C-alpha atoms as a PDB file:
ATOM      1  CA  MET A   1      79.823 149.429 -63.108  1.00  0.00           C
ATOM      2  CA  ASP A   2      82.812 150.843 -61.280  1.00  0.00           C
ATOM      3  CA  ARG A   3      82.570 153.397 -58.460  1.00  0.00           C
ATOM      4  CA  LYS A   4      83.501 156.400 -60.614  1.00  0.00           C
ATOM      5  CA  ASN A   5      80.806 155.677 -63.235  1.00  0.00           C
ATOM      6  CA  PHE A   6      78.261 154.981 -60.524  1.00  0.00           C
ATOM      7  CA  LEU A   7      78.915 158.349 -58.832  1.00  0.00           C
ATOM      8  CA  GLN A   8      78.789 160.199 -62.165  1.00  0.00           C
ATOM      9  CA  THR A   9      75.513 158.540 -63.139  1.00  0.00           C
ATOM     10  CA  CYS A  10      73.897 159.183 -59.757  1.00  0.00           C
ATOM     11  CA  GLY A  11      75.130 162.782 -59.687  1.00  0.00           C
ATOM     12  CA  MET A  12      73.740 163.546 -63.137  1.00  0.00           C
ATOM     13  CA  ALA A  13      70.413 161.904 -62.268  1.00  0.00           C
ATOM     14  CA  CYS A  14      70.110 164.003 -59.097  1.00  0.00           C
ATOM     15  CA  ILE A  15      70.961 167.242 -60.906  1.00  0.00           C
ATOM     16  CA  GLY A  16      68.550 166.461 -63.749  1.00  0.00           C
ATOM     17  CA  GLY A  17      65.740 165.516 -61.368  1.00  0.00           C
ATOM     18  CA  SER A  18      66.214 168.664 -59.298  1.00  0.00           C
ATOM     19  CA  ALA A  19      66.266 170.898 -62.371  1.00  0.00           C
ATOM     20  CA  MET A  20      63.097 169.297 -63.741  1.00  0.00           C
ATOM     21  CA  ALA A  21      61.291 169.710 -60.406  1.00  0.00           C
ATOM     22  CA  LEU A  22      62.205 173.406 -60.268  1.00  0.00           C
ATOM     23  CA  LEU A  23      61.123 173.907 -63.868  1.00  0.00           C
ATOM     24  CA  LEU A  24      57.756 172.234 -63.331  1.00  0.00           C
ATOM     25  CA  GLN A  25      57.147 174.107 -60.074  1.00  0.00           C
ATOM     26  CA  SER A  26      57.973 177.468 -61.605  1.00  0.00           C
ATOM     27  CA  CYS A  27      55.655 176.857 -64.566  1.00  0.00           C
ATOM     28  CA  GLY A  28      52.741 175.997 -62.335  1.00  0.00           C
ATOM     29  CA  ILE A  29      52.733 178.752 -59.773  1.00  0.00           C
ATOM     30  CA  SER A  30      54.326 181.838 -61.191  1.00  0.00           C
ATOM     31  CA  LYS A  31      53.525 184.247 -63.931  1.00  0.00           C
ATOM     32  CA  THR A  32      55.489 187.199 -65.174  1.00  0.00           C
ATOM     33  CA  LEU A  33      53.387 190.003 -66.576  1.00  0.00           C
ATOM     34  CA  THR A  34      53.739 193.505 -67.827  1.00  0.00           C
ATOM     35  CA  GLY A  35      51.939 195.958 -65.594  1.00  0.00           C
ATOM     36  CA  THR A  36      50.405 199.211 -66.725  1.00  0.00           C
ATOM     37  CA  ILE A  37      51.341 202.433 -64.977  1.00  0.00           C
ATOM     38  CA  SER A  38      48.567 204.972 -64.537  1.00  0.00           C
ATOM     39  CA  ASP A  39      49.477 208.202 -62.737  1.00  0.00           C
ATOM     40  CA  SER A  40      51.729 206.886 -59.959  1.00  0.00           C
ATOM     41  CA  ASP A  41      50.136 203.435 -59.666  1.00  0.00           C
ATOM     42  CA  LEU A  42      51.114 200.100 -61.153  1.00  0.00           C
ATOM     43  CA  LEU A  43      47.917 198.243 -62.127  1.00  0.00           C
ATOM     44  CA  VAL A  44      47.505 194.472 -61.889  1.00  0.00           C
ATOM     45  CA  SER A  45      44.256 192.638 -62.553  1.00  0.00           C
ATOM     46  CA  LEU A  46      43.071 190.289 -59.817  1.00  0.00           C
ATOM     47  CA  SER A  47      42.323 187.745 -62.556  1.00  0.00           C
ATOM     48  CA  ASP A  48      46.094 187.460 -63.146  1.00  0.00           C
ATOM     49  CA  PHE A  49      46.226 185.380 -59.958  1.00  0.00           C
ATOM     50  CA  GLU A  50      43.555 182.941 -61.151  1.00  0.00           C
ATOM     51  CA  THR A  51      44.009 179.624 -62.894  1.00  0.00           C
ATOM     52  CA  LYS A  52      41.120 177.454 -64.011  1.00  0.00           C
ATOM     53  CA  ALA A  53      41.000 173.677 -63.808  1.00  0.00           C
ATOM     54  CA  GLY A  54      37.665 172.613 -65.218  1.00  0.00           C
ATOM     55  CA  THR A  55      35.067 174.352 -63.074  1.00  0.00           C
ATOM     56  CA  GLU A  56      37.484 175.007 -60.205  1.00  0.00           C
ATOM     57  CA  THR A  57      39.397 178.247 -59.719  1.00  0.00           C
ATOM     58  CA  HIS A  58      42.813 178.106 -58.110  1.00  0.00           C
ATOM     59  CA  TYR A  59      45.055 181.008 -57.158  1.00  0.00           C
ATOM     60  CA  LYS A  60      48.752 181.581 -57.732  1.00  0.00           C
ATOM     61  CA  LYS A  61      50.841 182.470 -54.670  1.00  0.00           C
ATOM     62  CA  TYR A  62      52.464 185.352 -56.525  1.00  0.00           C
ATOM     63  CA  VAL A  63      52.991 187.124 -59.823  1.00  0.00           C
ATOM     64  CA  ILE A  64      56.031 189.079 -60.952  1.00  0.00           C
ATOM     65  CA  VAL A  65      55.210 192.408 -62.562  1.00  0.00           C
ATOM     66  CA  ASN A  66      57.548 194.200 -64.948  1.00  0.00           C
ATOM     67  CA  ASN A  67      57.293 197.607 -66.580  1.00  0.00           C
ATOM     68  CA  ASP A  68      59.898 199.264 -68.817  1.00  0.00           C
ATOM     69  CA  THR A  69      59.987 202.357 -66.612  1.00  0.00           C
ATOM     70  CA  LEU A  70      60.910 200.373 -63.492  1.00  0.00           C
ATOM     71  CA  LYS A  71      64.517 199.402 -62.782  1.00  0.00           C
ATOM     72  CA  PHE A  72      63.460 196.185 -60.994  1.00  0.00           C
ATOM     73  CA  PRO A  73      60.321 194.051 -61.133  1.00  0.00           C
ATOM     74  CA  ILE A  74      57.801 193.906 -58.304  1.00  0.00           C
ATOM     75  CA  CYS A  75      56.696 190.600 -56.795  1.00  0.00           C
ATOM     76  CA  VAL A  76      53.068 190.635 -55.677  1.00  0.00           C
ATOM     77  CA  TYR A  77      52.112 187.929 -53.179  1.00  0.00           C
ATOM     78  CA  ARG A  78      48.494 186.934 -52.616  1.00  0.00           C
ATOM     79  CA  GLN A  79      48.118 186.465 -48.847  1.00  0.00           C
ATOM     80  CA  ASP A  80      44.342 185.916 -49.153  1.00  0.00           C
ATOM     81  CA  ALA A  81      41.436 187.267 -51.227  1.00  0.00           C
ATOM     82  CA  GLU A  82      41.672 190.734 -49.663  1.00  0.00           C
ATOM     83  CA  SER A  83      45.358 190.955 -48.735  1.00  0.00           C
ATOM     84  CA  TYR A  84      48.314 191.344 -51.083  1.00  0.00           C
ATOM     85  CA  THR A  85      51.958 192.305 -50.569  1.00  0.00           C
ATOM     86  CA  ALA A  86      54.018 194.086 -53.249  1.00  0.00           C
ATOM     87  CA  LEU A  87      57.801 193.828 -52.882  1.00  0.00           C
ATOM     88  CA  TRP A  88      60.601 195.551 -54.782  1.00  0.00           C
ATOM     89  CA  MET A  89      62.831 192.772 -56.126  1.00  0.00           C
ATOM     90  CA  GLN A  90      66.142 194.472 -55.302  1.00  0.00           C
ATOM     91  CA  CYS A  91      68.303 192.996 -52.550  1.00  0.00           C
ATOM     92  CA  THR A  92      68.937 195.448 -49.727  1.00  0.00           C
ATOM     93  CA  HIS A  93      72.467 194.095 -49.262  1.00  0.00           C
ATOM     94  CA  GLN A  94      74.169 195.105 -52.515  1.00  0.00           C
ATOM     95  CA  GLY A  95      71.337 195.701 -54.967  1.00  0.00           C
ATOM     96  CA  ALA A  96      71.169 192.501 -57.029  1.00  0.00           C
ATOM     97  CA  GLU A  97      67.843 191.449 -58.532  1.00  0.00           C
ATOM     98  CA  LEU A  98      66.119 188.807 -56.421  1.00  0.00           C
ATOM     99  CA  GLN A  99      64.730 185.456 -57.538  1.00  0.00           C
ATOM    100  CA  VAL A 100      61.432 184.047 -56.300  1.00  0.00           C
ATOM    101  CA  PHE A 101      61.154 180.534 -54.888  1.00  0.00           C
ATOM    102  CA  GLY A 102      57.626 179.974 -53.591  1.00  0.00           C
ATOM    103  CA  ASP A 103      57.189 181.947 -50.375  1.00  0.00           C
ATOM    104  CA  LYS A 104      60.694 183.398 -50.371  1.00  0.00           C
ATOM    105  CA  LEU A 105      62.858 185.729 -52.392  1.00  0.00           C
ATOM    106  CA  GLN A 106      66.546 184.952 -52.635  1.00  0.00           C
ATOM    107  CA  CYS A 107      69.574 186.930 -53.740  1.00  0.00           C
ATOM    108  CA  PRO A 108      71.720 184.994 -56.217  1.00  0.00           C
ATOM    109  CA  ALA A 109      74.785 187.124 -55.400  1.00  0.00           C
ATOM    110  CA  HIS A 110      75.288 186.500 -51.665  1.00  0.00           C
ATOM    111  CA  GLY A 111      72.387 184.313 -50.491  1.00  0.00           C
ATOM    112  CA  SER A 112      70.246 186.808 -48.591  1.00  0.00           C
ATOM    113  CA  GLU A 113      66.661 185.611 -48.202  1.00  0.00           C
ATOM    114  CA  PHE A 114      63.374 187.379 -47.540  1.00  0.00           C
ATOM    115  CA  ASP A 115      59.914 186.032 -46.710  1.00  0.00           C
ATOM    116  CA  ASN A 116      56.726 186.809 -48.666  1.00  0.00           C
ATOM    117  CA  LYS A 117      56.211 189.964 -46.614  1.00  0.00           C
ATOM    118  CA  GLY A 118      59.715 191.283 -47.332  1.00  0.00           C
ATOM    119  CA  LYS A 119      61.335 190.503 -43.972  1.00  0.00           C
ATOM    120  CA  VAL A 120      64.963 189.359 -43.906  1.00  0.00           C
ATOM    121  CA  THR A 121      65.213 185.665 -43.007  1.00  0.00           C
ATOM    122  CA  ASN A 122      68.844 185.048 -43.969  1.00  0.00           C
ATOM    123  CA  SER A 123      71.802 187.467 -43.975  1.00  0.00           C
ATOM    124  CA  PRO A 124      74.004 189.172 -45.174  1.00  0.00           C
ATOM    125  CA  ALA A 125      71.109 191.600 -45.864  1.00  0.00           C
ATOM    126  CA  SER A 126      70.069 193.426 -42.702  1.00  0.00           C
ATOM    127  CA  GLN A 127      67.182 195.569 -44.020  1.00  0.00           C
ATOM    128  CA  ASN A 128      63.758 194.360 -45.103  1.00  0.00           C
ATOM    129  CA  LEU A 129      62.634 194.777 -48.698  1.00  0.00           C
ATOM    130  CA  ARG A 130      60.816 197.869 -49.829  1.00  0.00           C
ATOM    131  CA  SER A 131      57.080 197.259 -49.964  1.00  0.00           C
ATOM    132  CA  PHE A 132      54.348 199.277 -51.630  1.00  0.00           C
ATOM    133  CA  PRO A 133      50.847 200.205 -50.456  1.00  0.00           C
ATOM    134  CA  ILE A 134      48.099 198.388 -52.348  1.00  0.00           C
ATOM    135  CA  THR A 135      44.433 199.199 -52.789  1.00  0.00           C
ATOM    136  CA  ILE A 136      41.845 197.089 -54.591  1.00  0.00           C
ATOM    137  CA  VAL A 137      39.594 199.033 -56.966  1.00  0.00           C
ATOM    138  CA  ASN A 138      37.310 197.506 -59.627  1.00  0.00           C
ATOM    139  CA  ASN A 139      39.003 194.086 -59.543  1.00  0.00           C
ATOM    140  CA  GLN A 140      42.441 195.657 -59.920  1.00  0.00           C
ATOM    141  CA  LEU A 141      45.345 196.029 -57.575  1.00  0.00           C
ATOM    142  CA  LYS A 142      46.638 199.594 -57.503  1.00  0.00           C
ATOM    143  CA  ILE A 143      50.234 199.470 -56.318  1.00  0.00           C
ATOM    144  CA  SER A 144      51.362 202.959 -55.311  1.00  0.00           C
ATOM    145  CA  LEU A 145      54.809 203.817 -56.751  1.00  0.00           C
ATOM    146  CA  LYS A 146      55.045 207.361 -55.416  1.00  0.00           C
ATOM    147  CA  ALA A 147      58.603 207.032 -54.061  1.00  0.00           C
ATOM    148  CA  VAL A 148      60.229 204.696 -56.650  1.00  0.00           C
END
């Protein structure tokens, strides 16, 4: 095999392997759901974070919640059993919709990054993400949308 074919073959294998790893990771830990809005709250069931493997219960790091009345989705991170963070998925730099990669949100337009609490970790964004107050009532997260 000559050098050109070798580099093409290796390059395609690397790209394919990376794409497959991202696909498998995204299938296992994320879930996009449609949230219900009641009064000024977006409702998410705590069971939406659960996955069952036999008799064991595991928890997703986050879920992405959509609703037709919202311009952008909201990413809800599970910090622990009693602590959740809800983040507006709009970049504070120029308003593009963010993508979720594990414990970070990233802007596909200019590369800004935010941690799972909404703090800027990589510019050009200079403002943290908008977050929403959350209360837990009857096994549901009530995400207050009063100022959306």
